[in-house]
């Protein structure tokens, strides 16, 4: 068993050594990226009619993601005075 433990220790040491020299790279803005959701509201199907509620979604990507909000398959109209963006 001792050689097996020695082998595992060597592998773990090698991984930590490689991670020490790795770093994040900056991706140029010209490179297309799939959308990534950064911030999202909790999943809730029903909201009270007489109470304020907030739905949030923030995403990044290239090209910039486009959001659409719907209720029962119909789009929300942001010109409605009850909706704030």
PDB file of N, CA and C in Angstrom:
ATOM      1  N   UNK A   1       0.808  -1.208   0.000  1.00  0.00           N
ATOM      2  CA  UNK A   1       0.000   0.000   0.000  1.00  0.00           C
ATOM      3  C   UNK A   1       0.846   1.265   0.000  1.00  0.00           C
ATOM      4  N   UNK A   2       2.015   1.207   0.529  1.00  0.00           N
ATOM      5  CA  UNK A   2       2.853   2.403   0.647  1.00  0.00           C
ATOM      6  C   UNK A   2       3.179   3.025  -0.712  1.00  0.00           C
ATOM      7  N   UNK A   3       3.545   2.253  -1.747  1.00  0.00           N
ATOM      8  CA  UNK A   3       3.813   2.867  -3.053  1.00  0.00           C
ATOM      9  C   UNK A   3       2.573   3.559  -3.635  1.00  0.00           C
ATOM     10  N   UNK A   4       1.385   3.001  -3.354  1.00  0.00           N
ATOM     11  CA  UNK A   4       0.150   3.606  -3.842  1.00  0.00           C
ATOM     12  C   UNK A   4      -0.060   4.982  -3.209  1.00  0.00           C
ATOM     13  N   UNK A   5       0.155   5.090  -1.908  1.00  0.00           N
ATOM     14  CA  UNK A   5       0.018   6.376  -1.217  1.00  0.00           C
ATOM     15  C   UNK A   5       1.051   7.371  -1.717  1.00  0.00           C
ATOM     16  N   UNK A   6       2.259   6.898  -1.967  1.00  0.00           N
ATOM     17  CA  UNK A   6       3.312   7.770  -2.479  1.00  0.00           C
ATOM     18  C   UNK A   6       2.920   8.311  -3.858  1.00  0.00           C
ATOM     19  N   UNK A   7       2.342   7.452  -4.689  1.00  0.00           N
ATOM     20  CA  UNK A   7       1.889   7.862  -6.021  1.00  0.00           C
ATOM     21  C   UNK A   7       0.795   8.910  -5.954  1.00  0.00           C
ATOM     22  N   UNK A   8      -0.153   8.718  -5.034  1.00  0.00           N
ATOM     23  CA  UNK A   8      -1.241   9.693  -4.878  1.00  0.00           C
ATOM     24  C   UNK A   8      -0.696  11.034  -4.405  1.00  0.00           C
ATOM     25  N   UNK A   9       0.238  10.990  -3.466  1.00  0.00           N
ATOM     26  CA  UNK A   9       0.832  12.224  -2.955  1.00  0.00           C
ATOM     27  C   UNK A   9       1.568  12.975  -4.048  1.00  0.00           C
ATOM     28  N   UNK A  10       2.243  12.232  -4.912  1.00  0.00           N
ATOM     29  CA  UNK A  10       2.968  12.843  -6.023  1.00  0.00           C
ATOM     30  C   UNK A  10       1.999  13.511  -6.999  1.00  0.00           C
ATOM     31  N   UNK A  11       0.895  12.846  -7.274  1.00  0.00           N
ATOM     32  CA  UNK A  11      -0.105  13.403  -8.192  1.00  0.00           C
ATOM     33  C   UNK A  11      -0.717  14.671  -7.605  1.00  0.00           C
ATOM     34  N   UNK A  12      -1.068  14.637  -6.323  1.00  0.00           N
ATOM     35  CA  UNK A  12      -1.650  15.812  -5.674  1.00  0.00           C
ATOM     36  C   UNK A  12      -0.654  16.962  -5.684  1.00  0.00           C
ATOM     37  N   UNK A  13       0.606  16.670  -5.394  1.00  0.00           N
ATOM     38  CA  UNK A  13       1.640  17.712  -5.407  1.00  0.00           C
ATOM     39  C   UNK A  13       1.789  18.312  -6.799  1.00  0.00           C
ATOM     40  N   UNK A  14       1.754  17.477  -7.819  1.00  0.00           N
ATOM     41  CA  UNK A  14       1.872  17.944  -9.199  1.00  0.00           C
ATOM     42  C   UNK A  14       0.692  18.849  -9.572  1.00  0.00           C
ATOM     43  N   UNK A  15      -0.504  18.474  -9.153  1.00  0.00           N
ATOM     44  CA  UNK A  15      -1.689  19.291  -9.443  1.00  0.00           C
ATOM     45  C   UNK A  15      -1.559  20.662  -8.793  1.00  0.00           C
ATOM     46  N   UNK A  16      -1.173  20.707  -7.513  1.00  0.00           N
ATOM     47  CA  UNK A  16      -1.006  21.994  -6.834  1.00  0.00           C
ATOM     48  C   UNK A  16       0.101  22.827  -7.478  1.00  0.00           C
ATOM     49  N   UNK A  17       1.156  22.185  -7.931  1.00  0.00           N
ATOM     50  CA  UNK A  17       2.249  22.889  -8.597  1.00  0.00           C
ATOM     51  C   UNK A  17       1.753  23.547  -9.884  1.00  0.00           C
ATOM     52  N   UNK A  18       0.984  22.811 -10.672  1.00  0.00           N
ATOM     53  CA  UNK A  18       0.463  23.350 -11.926  1.00  0.00           C
ATOM     54  C   UNK A  18      -0.558  24.461 -11.685  1.00  0.00           C
ATOM     55  N   UNK A  19      -1.393  24.310 -10.657  1.00  0.00           N
ATOM     56  CA  UNK A  19      -2.382  25.340 -10.346  1.00  0.00           C
ATOM     57  C   UNK A  19      -1.726  26.643  -9.904  1.00  0.00           C
ATOM     58  N   UNK A  20      -0.568  26.539  -9.278  1.00  0.00           N
ATOM     59  CA  UNK A  20       0.136  27.729  -8.814  1.00  0.00           C
ATOM     60  C   UNK A  20       0.512  28.629  -9.994  1.00  0.00           C
ATOM     61  N   UNK A  21       0.824  28.037 -11.126  1.00  0.00           N
ATOM     62  CA  UNK A  21       1.264  28.801 -12.286  1.00  0.00           C
ATOM     63  C   UNK A  21       0.143  29.104 -13.275  1.00  0.00           C
ATOM     64  N   UNK A  22      -1.044  28.596 -12.995  1.00  0.00           N
ATOM     65  CA  UNK A  22      -2.156  28.888 -13.901  1.00  0.00           C
ATOM     66  C   UNK A  22      -2.800  30.206 -13.497  1.00  0.00           C
ATOM     67  N   UNK A  23      -3.389  30.889 -14.467  1.00  0.00           N
ATOM     68  CA  UNK A  23      -4.076  32.142 -14.182  1.00  0.00           C
ATOM     69  C   UNK A  23      -5.209  32.318 -15.178  1.00  0.00           C
ATOM     70  N   UNK A  24      -6.138  33.182 -14.833  1.00  0.00           N
ATOM     71  CA  UNK A  24      -7.263  33.461 -15.718  1.00  0.00           C
ATOM     72  C   UNK A  24      -6.769  34.243 -16.927  1.00  0.00           C
ATOM     73  N   UNK A  25      -7.373  33.948 -18.060  1.00  0.00           N
ATOM     74  CA  UNK A  25      -7.001  34.688 -19.264  1.00  0.00           C
ATOM     75  C   UNK A  25      -8.132  35.647 -19.624  1.00  0.00           C
ATOM     76  N   UNK A  26      -7.791  36.744 -20.219  1.00  0.00           N
ATOM     77  CA  UNK A  26      -8.770  37.729 -20.665  1.00  0.00           C
ATOM     78  C   UNK A  26      -9.231  37.343 -22.067  1.00  0.00           C
ATOM     79  N   UNK A  27     -10.544  37.200 -22.238  1.00  0.00           N
ATOM     80  CA  UNK A  27     -11.090  36.841 -23.542  1.00  0.00           C
ATOM     81  C   UNK A  27     -11.420  38.131 -24.289  1.00  0.00           C
ATOM     82  N   UNK A  28     -10.897  38.316 -25.492  1.00  0.00           N
ATOM     83  CA  UNK A  28     -11.178  39.542 -26.253  1.00  0.00           C
ATOM     84  C   UNK A  28     -12.675  39.696 -26.517  1.00  0.00           C
ATOM     85  N   UNK A  29     -13.161  40.930 -26.556  1.00  0.00           N
ATOM     86  CA  UNK A  29     -14.590  41.179 -26.760  1.00  0.00           C
ATOM     87  C   UNK A  29     -15.055  40.769 -28.153  1.00  0.00           C
ATOM     88  N   UNK A  30     -14.138  40.543 -29.073  1.00  0.00           N
ATOM     89  CA  UNK A  30     -14.513  40.140 -30.428  1.00  0.00           C
ATOM     90  C   UNK A  30     -14.869  38.653 -30.512  1.00  0.00           C
ATOM     91  N   UNK A  31     -14.540  37.888 -29.494  1.00  0.00           N
ATOM     92  CA  UNK A  31     -14.817  36.447 -29.493  1.00  0.00           C
ATOM     93  C   UNK A  31     -16.259  36.219 -29.046  1.00  0.00           C
ATOM     94  N   UNK A  32     -17.037  35.478 -29.848  1.00  0.00           N
ATOM     95  CA  UNK A  32     -18.422  35.200 -29.483  1.00  0.00           C
ATOM     96  C   UNK A  32     -18.462  34.222 -28.319  1.00  0.00           C
ATOM     97  N   UNK A  33     -19.387  34.478 -27.379  1.00  0.00           N
ATOM     98  CA  UNK A  33     -19.547  33.632 -26.202  1.00  0.00           C
ATOM     99  C   UNK A  33     -21.027  33.358 -25.988  1.00  0.00           C
ATOM    100  N   UNK A  34     -21.350  32.132 -25.598  1.00  0.00           N
ATOM    101  CA  UNK A  34     -22.744  31.812 -25.306  1.00  0.00           C
ATOM    102  C   UNK A  34     -23.175  32.587 -24.070  1.00  0.00           C
ATOM    103  N   UNK A  35     -24.467  32.926 -23.961  1.00  0.00           N
ATOM    104  CA  UNK A  35     -24.932  33.669 -22.784  1.00  0.00           C
ATOM    105  C   UNK A  35     -24.718  32.884 -21.491  1.00  0.00           C
ATOM    106  N   UNK A  36     -24.320  33.594 -20.461  1.00  0.00           N
ATOM    107  CA  UNK A  36     -24.147  33.036 -19.130  1.00  0.00           C
ATOM    108  C   UNK A  36     -25.005  33.850 -18.181  1.00  0.00           C
ATOM    109  N   UNK A  37     -25.892  33.180 -17.435  1.00  0.00           N
ATOM    110  CA  UNK A  37     -26.746  33.887 -16.481  1.00  0.00           C
ATOM    111  C   UNK A  37     -25.929  34.207 -15.244  1.00  0.00           C
ATOM    112  N   UNK A  38     -25.881  35.504 -14.902  1.00  0.00           N
ATOM    113  CA  UNK A  38     -25.119  35.984 -13.753  1.00  0.00           C
ATOM    114  C   UNK A  38     -26.017  36.109 -12.529  1.00  0.00           C
ATOM    115  N   UNK A  39     -27.234  36.607 -12.739  1.00  0.00           N
ATOM    116  CA  UNK A  39     -28.158  36.845 -11.634  1.00  0.00           C
ATOM    117  C   UNK A  39     -29.549  36.434 -12.093  1.00  0.00           C
ATOM    118  N   UNK A  40     -30.270  35.710 -11.228  1.00  0.00           N
ATOM    119  CA  UNK A  40     -31.577  35.208 -11.620  1.00  0.00           C
ATOM    120  C   UNK A  40     -32.493  35.196 -10.401  1.00  0.00           C
ATOM    121  N   UNK A  41     -33.759  35.562 -10.607  1.00  0.00           N
ATOM    122  CA  UNK A  41     -34.740  35.524  -9.523  1.00  0.00           C
ATOM    123  C   UNK A  41     -35.009  34.083  -9.121  1.00  0.00           C
ATOM    124  N   UNK A  42     -35.516  33.944  -7.909  1.00  0.00           N
ATOM    125  CA  UNK A  42     -35.943  32.619  -7.470  1.00  0.00           C
ATOM    126  C   UNK A  42     -37.125  32.191  -8.323  1.00  0.00           C
ATOM    127  N   UNK A  43     -37.246  30.899  -8.518  1.00  0.00           N
ATOM    128  CA  UNK A  43     -38.336  30.383  -9.337  1.00  0.00           C
ATOM    129  C   UNK A  43     -39.633  30.477  -8.533  1.00  0.00           C
ATOM    130  N   UNK A  44     -40.592  31.193  -9.068  1.00  0.00           N
ATOM    131  CA  UNK A  44     -41.903  31.315  -8.441  1.00  0.00           C
ATOM    132  C   UNK A  44     -42.919  31.417  -9.552  1.00  0.00           C
ATOM    133  N   UNK A  45     -43.951  30.603  -9.476  1.00  0.00           N
ATOM    134  CA  UNK A  45     -44.924  30.552 -10.552  1.00  0.00           C
ATOM    135  C   UNK A  45     -46.013  31.604 -10.379  1.00  0.00           C
ATOM    136  N   UNK A  46     -46.459  31.840  -9.148  1.00  0.00           N
ATOM    137  CA  UNK A  46     -47.566  32.768  -8.911  1.00  0.00           C
ATOM    138  C   UNK A  46     -47.137  33.886  -7.969  1.00  0.00           C
ATOM    139  N   UNK A  47     -47.642  35.083  -8.243  1.00  0.00           N
ATOM    140  CA  UNK A  47     -47.392  36.245  -7.397  1.00  0.00           C
ATOM    141  C   UNK A  47     -48.739  36.838  -6.998  1.00  0.00           C
ATOM    142  N   UNK A  48     -48.848  37.393  -5.798  1.00  0.00           N
ATOM    143  CA  UNK A  48     -50.104  38.048  -5.401  1.00  0.00           C
ATOM    144  C   UNK A  48     -50.383  39.258  -6.300  1.00  0.00           C
ATOM    145  N   UNK A  49     -51.647  39.483  -6.625  1.00  0.00           N
ATOM    146  CA  UNK A  49     -52.015  40.598  -7.494  1.00  0.00           C
ATOM    147  C   UNK A  49     -51.811  41.949  -6.830  1.00  0.00           C
ATOM    148  N   UNK A  50     -51.961  42.007  -5.513  1.00  0.00           N
ATOM    149  CA  UNK A  50     -51.952  43.294  -4.828  1.00  0.00           C
ATOM    150  C   UNK A  50     -50.622  43.612  -4.147  1.00  0.00           C
ATOM    151  N   UNK A  51     -49.587  42.850  -4.432  1.00  0.00           N
ATOM    152  CA  UNK A  51     -48.290  43.087  -3.797  1.00  0.00           C
ATOM    153  C   UNK A  51     -47.215  43.334  -4.852  1.00  0.00           C
ATOM    154  N   UNK A  52     -46.231  44.135  -4.458  1.00  0.00           N
ATOM    155  CA  UNK A  52     -45.077  44.412  -5.321  1.00  0.00           C
ATOM    156  C   UNK A  52     -44.206  43.161  -5.399  1.00  0.00           C
ATOM    157  N   UNK A  53     -43.714  42.859  -6.565  1.00  0.00           N
ATOM    158  CA  UNK A  53     -42.729  41.790  -6.706  1.00  0.00           C
ATOM    159  C   UNK A  53     -41.728  42.195  -7.771  1.00  0.00           C
ATOM    160  N   UNK A  54     -40.587  41.559  -7.714  1.00  0.00           N
ATOM    161  CA  UNK A  54     -39.500  41.919  -8.623  1.00  0.00           C
ATOM    162  C   UNK A  54     -38.966  40.653  -9.278  1.00  0.00           C
ATOM    163  N   UNK A  55     -38.780  40.729 -10.583  1.00  0.00           N
ATOM    164  CA  UNK A  55     -38.189  39.625 -11.340  1.00  0.00           C
ATOM    165  C   UNK A  55     -36.871  40.138 -11.898  1.00  0.00           C
ATOM    166  N   UNK A  56     -35.800  39.419 -11.641  1.00  0.00           N
ATOM    167  CA  UNK A  56     -34.483  39.858 -12.098  1.00  0.00           C
ATOM    168  C   UNK A  56     -33.832  38.800 -12.978  1.00  0.00           C
ATOM    169  N   UNK A  57     -33.092  39.273 -13.941  1.00  0.00           N
ATOM    170  CA  UNK A  57     -32.244  38.394 -14.734  1.00  0.00           C
ATOM    171  C   UNK A  57     -31.110  39.238 -15.299  1.00  0.00           C
ATOM    172  N   UNK A  58     -29.905  38.774 -15.101  1.00  0.00           N
ATOM    173  CA  UNK A  58     -28.735  39.455 -15.648  1.00  0.00           C
ATOM    174  C   UNK A  58     -27.875  38.386 -16.308  1.00  0.00           C
ATOM    175  N   UNK A  59     -27.457  38.656 -17.524  1.00  0.00           N
ATOM    176  CA  UNK A  59     -26.639  37.696 -18.256  1.00  0.00           C
ATOM    177  C   UNK A  59     -25.584  38.438 -19.054  1.00  0.00           C
ATOM    178  N   UNK A  60     -24.537  37.704 -19.404  1.00  0.00           N
ATOM    179  CA  UNK A  60     -23.509  38.282 -20.260  1.00  0.00           C
ATOM    180  C   UNK A  60     -23.246  37.321 -21.403  1.00  0.00           C
ATOM    181  N   UNK A  61     -22.717  37.854 -22.481  1.00  0.00           N
ATOM    182  CA  UNK A  61     -22.398  37.046 -23.647  1.00  0.00           C
ATOM    183  C   UNK A  61     -22.030  37.957 -24.799  1.00  0.00           C
ATOM    184  N   UNK A  62     -21.605  37.362 -25.891  1.00  0.00           N
ATOM    185  CA  UNK A  62     -21.262  38.119 -27.078  1.00  0.00           C
ATOM    186  C   UNK A  62     -21.778  37.346 -28.284  1.00  0.00           C
ATOM    187  N   UNK A  63     -22.779  37.856 -28.977  1.00  0.00           N
ATOM    188  CA  UNK A  63     -23.394  39.172 -28.827  1.00  0.00           C
ATOM    189  C   UNK A  63     -24.193  39.255 -27.526  1.00  0.00           C
ATOM    190  N   UNK A  64     -24.491  40.492 -27.100  1.00  0.00           N
ATOM    191  CA  UNK A  64     -25.199  40.731 -25.850  1.00  0.00           C
ATOM    192  C   UNK A  64     -26.557  40.030 -25.870  1.00  0.00           C
ATOM    193  N   UNK A  65     -26.894  39.279 -24.809  1.00  0.00           N
ATOM    194  CA  UNK A  65     -28.175  38.558 -24.769  1.00  0.00           C
ATOM    195  C   UNK A  65     -29.374  39.505 -24.809  1.00  0.00           C
ATOM    196  N   UNK A  66     -30.465  39.021 -25.382  1.00  0.00           N
ATOM    197  CA  UNK A  66     -31.721  39.761 -25.441  1.00  0.00           C
ATOM    198  C   UNK A  66     -32.715  39.041 -24.532  1.00  0.00           C
ATOM    199  N   UNK A  67     -33.386  39.805 -23.664  1.00  0.00           N
ATOM    200  CA  UNK A  67     -34.345  39.235 -22.729  1.00  0.00           C
ATOM    201  C   UNK A  67     -35.759  39.495 -23.213  1.00  0.00           C
ATOM    202  N   UNK A  68     -36.650  38.579 -22.898  1.00  0.00           N
ATOM    203  CA  UNK A  68     -38.076  38.823 -23.109  1.00  0.00           C
ATOM    204  C   UNK A  68     -38.826  38.190 -21.941  1.00  0.00           C
ATOM    205  N   UNK A  69     -39.807  38.916 -21.435  1.00  0.00           N
ATOM    206  CA  UNK A  69     -40.600  38.450 -20.305  1.00  0.00           C
ATOM    207  C   UNK A  69     -42.005  38.165 -20.805  1.00  0.00           C
ATOM    208  N   UNK A  70     -42.549  37.025 -20.407  1.00  0.00           N
ATOM    209  CA  UNK A  70     -43.892  36.656 -20.836  1.00  0.00           C
ATOM    210  C   UNK A  70     -44.713  36.161 -19.647  1.00  0.00           C
ATOM    211  N   UNK A  71     -46.025  36.244 -19.809  1.00  0.00           N
ATOM    212  CA  UNK A  71     -46.972  35.670 -18.849  1.00  0.00           C
ATOM    213  C   UNK A  71     -48.014  34.935 -19.673  1.00  0.00           C
ATOM    214  N   UNK A  72     -48.169  33.671 -19.400  1.00  0.00           N
ATOM    215  CA  UNK A  72     -49.104  32.832 -20.149  1.00  0.00           C
ATOM    216  C   UNK A  72     -48.834  32.902 -21.651  1.00  0.00           C
ATOM    217  N   UNK A  73     -47.565  33.009 -22.021  1.00  0.00           N
ATOM    218  CA  UNK A  73     -47.180  33.039 -23.425  1.00  0.00           C
ATOM    219  C   UNK A  73     -47.301  34.399 -24.093  1.00  0.00           C
ATOM    220  N   UNK A  74     -47.801  35.385 -23.367  1.00  0.00           N
ATOM    221  CA  UNK A  74     -47.956  36.734 -23.918  1.00  0.00           C
ATOM    222  C   UNK A  74     -46.874  37.644 -23.357  1.00  0.00           C
ATOM    223  N   UNK A  75     -46.330  38.527 -24.196  1.00  0.00           N
ATOM    224  CA  UNK A  75     -45.251  39.404 -23.717  1.00  0.00           C
ATOM    225  C   UNK A  75     -45.761  40.471 -22.751  1.00  0.00           C
ATOM    226  N   UNK A  76     -44.888  40.870 -21.826  1.00  0.00           N
ATOM    227  CA  UNK A  76     -45.176  42.025 -20.976  1.00  0.00           C
ATOM    228  C   UNK A  76     -44.950  43.271 -21.814  1.00  0.00           C
ATOM    229  N   UNK A  77     -45.807  44.253 -21.637  1.00  0.00           N
ATOM    230  CA  UNK A  77     -45.630  45.520 -22.332  1.00  0.00           C
ATOM    231  C   UNK A  77     -45.029  46.510 -21.347  1.00  0.00           C
ATOM    232  N   UNK A  78     -43.816  46.924 -21.610  1.00  0.00           N
ATOM    233  CA  UNK A  78     -43.104  47.786 -20.681  1.00  0.00           C
ATOM    234  C   UNK A  78     -43.638  49.216 -20.689  1.00  0.00           C
ATOM    235  N   UNK A  79     -44.611  49.507 -21.548  1.00  0.00           N
ATOM    236  CA  UNK A  79     -45.260  50.817 -21.523  1.00  0.00           C
ATOM    237  C   UNK A  79     -46.354  50.859 -20.455  1.00  0.00           C
ATOM    238  N   UNK A  80     -46.721  49.702 -19.922  1.00  0.00           N
ATOM    239  CA  UNK A  80     -47.715  49.633 -18.846  1.00  0.00           C
ATOM    240  C   UNK A  80     -47.162  50.344 -17.617  1.00  0.00           C
ATOM    241  N   UNK A  81     -47.937  51.271 -17.038  1.00  0.00           N
ATOM    242  CA  UNK A  81     -47.464  52.067 -15.898  1.00  0.00           C
ATOM    243  C   UNK A  81     -47.162  51.219 -14.659  1.00  0.00           C
ATOM    244  N   UNK A  82     -47.669  50.011 -14.604  1.00  0.00           N
ATOM    245  CA  UNK A  82     -47.423  49.150 -13.442  1.00  0.00           C
ATOM    246  C   UNK A  82     -46.078  48.443 -13.511  1.00  0.00           C
ATOM    247  N   UNK A  83     -45.418  48.502 -14.659  1.00  0.00           N
ATOM    248  CA  UNK A  83     -44.150  47.795 -14.852  1.00  0.00           C
ATOM    249  C   UNK A  83     -43.012  48.795 -14.870  1.00  0.00           C
ATOM    250  N   UNK A  84     -42.000  48.534 -14.043  1.00  0.00           N
ATOM    251  CA  UNK A  84     -40.805  49.377 -14.004  1.00  0.00           C
ATOM    252  C   UNK A  84     -39.624  48.562 -14.499  1.00  0.00           C
ATOM    253  N   UNK A  85     -38.796  49.173 -15.331  1.00  0.00           N
ATOM    254  CA  UNK A  85     -37.613  48.467 -15.830  1.00  0.00           C
ATOM    255  C   UNK A  85     -36.357  49.134 -15.339  1.00  0.00           C
TER     256      UNK A  85
END
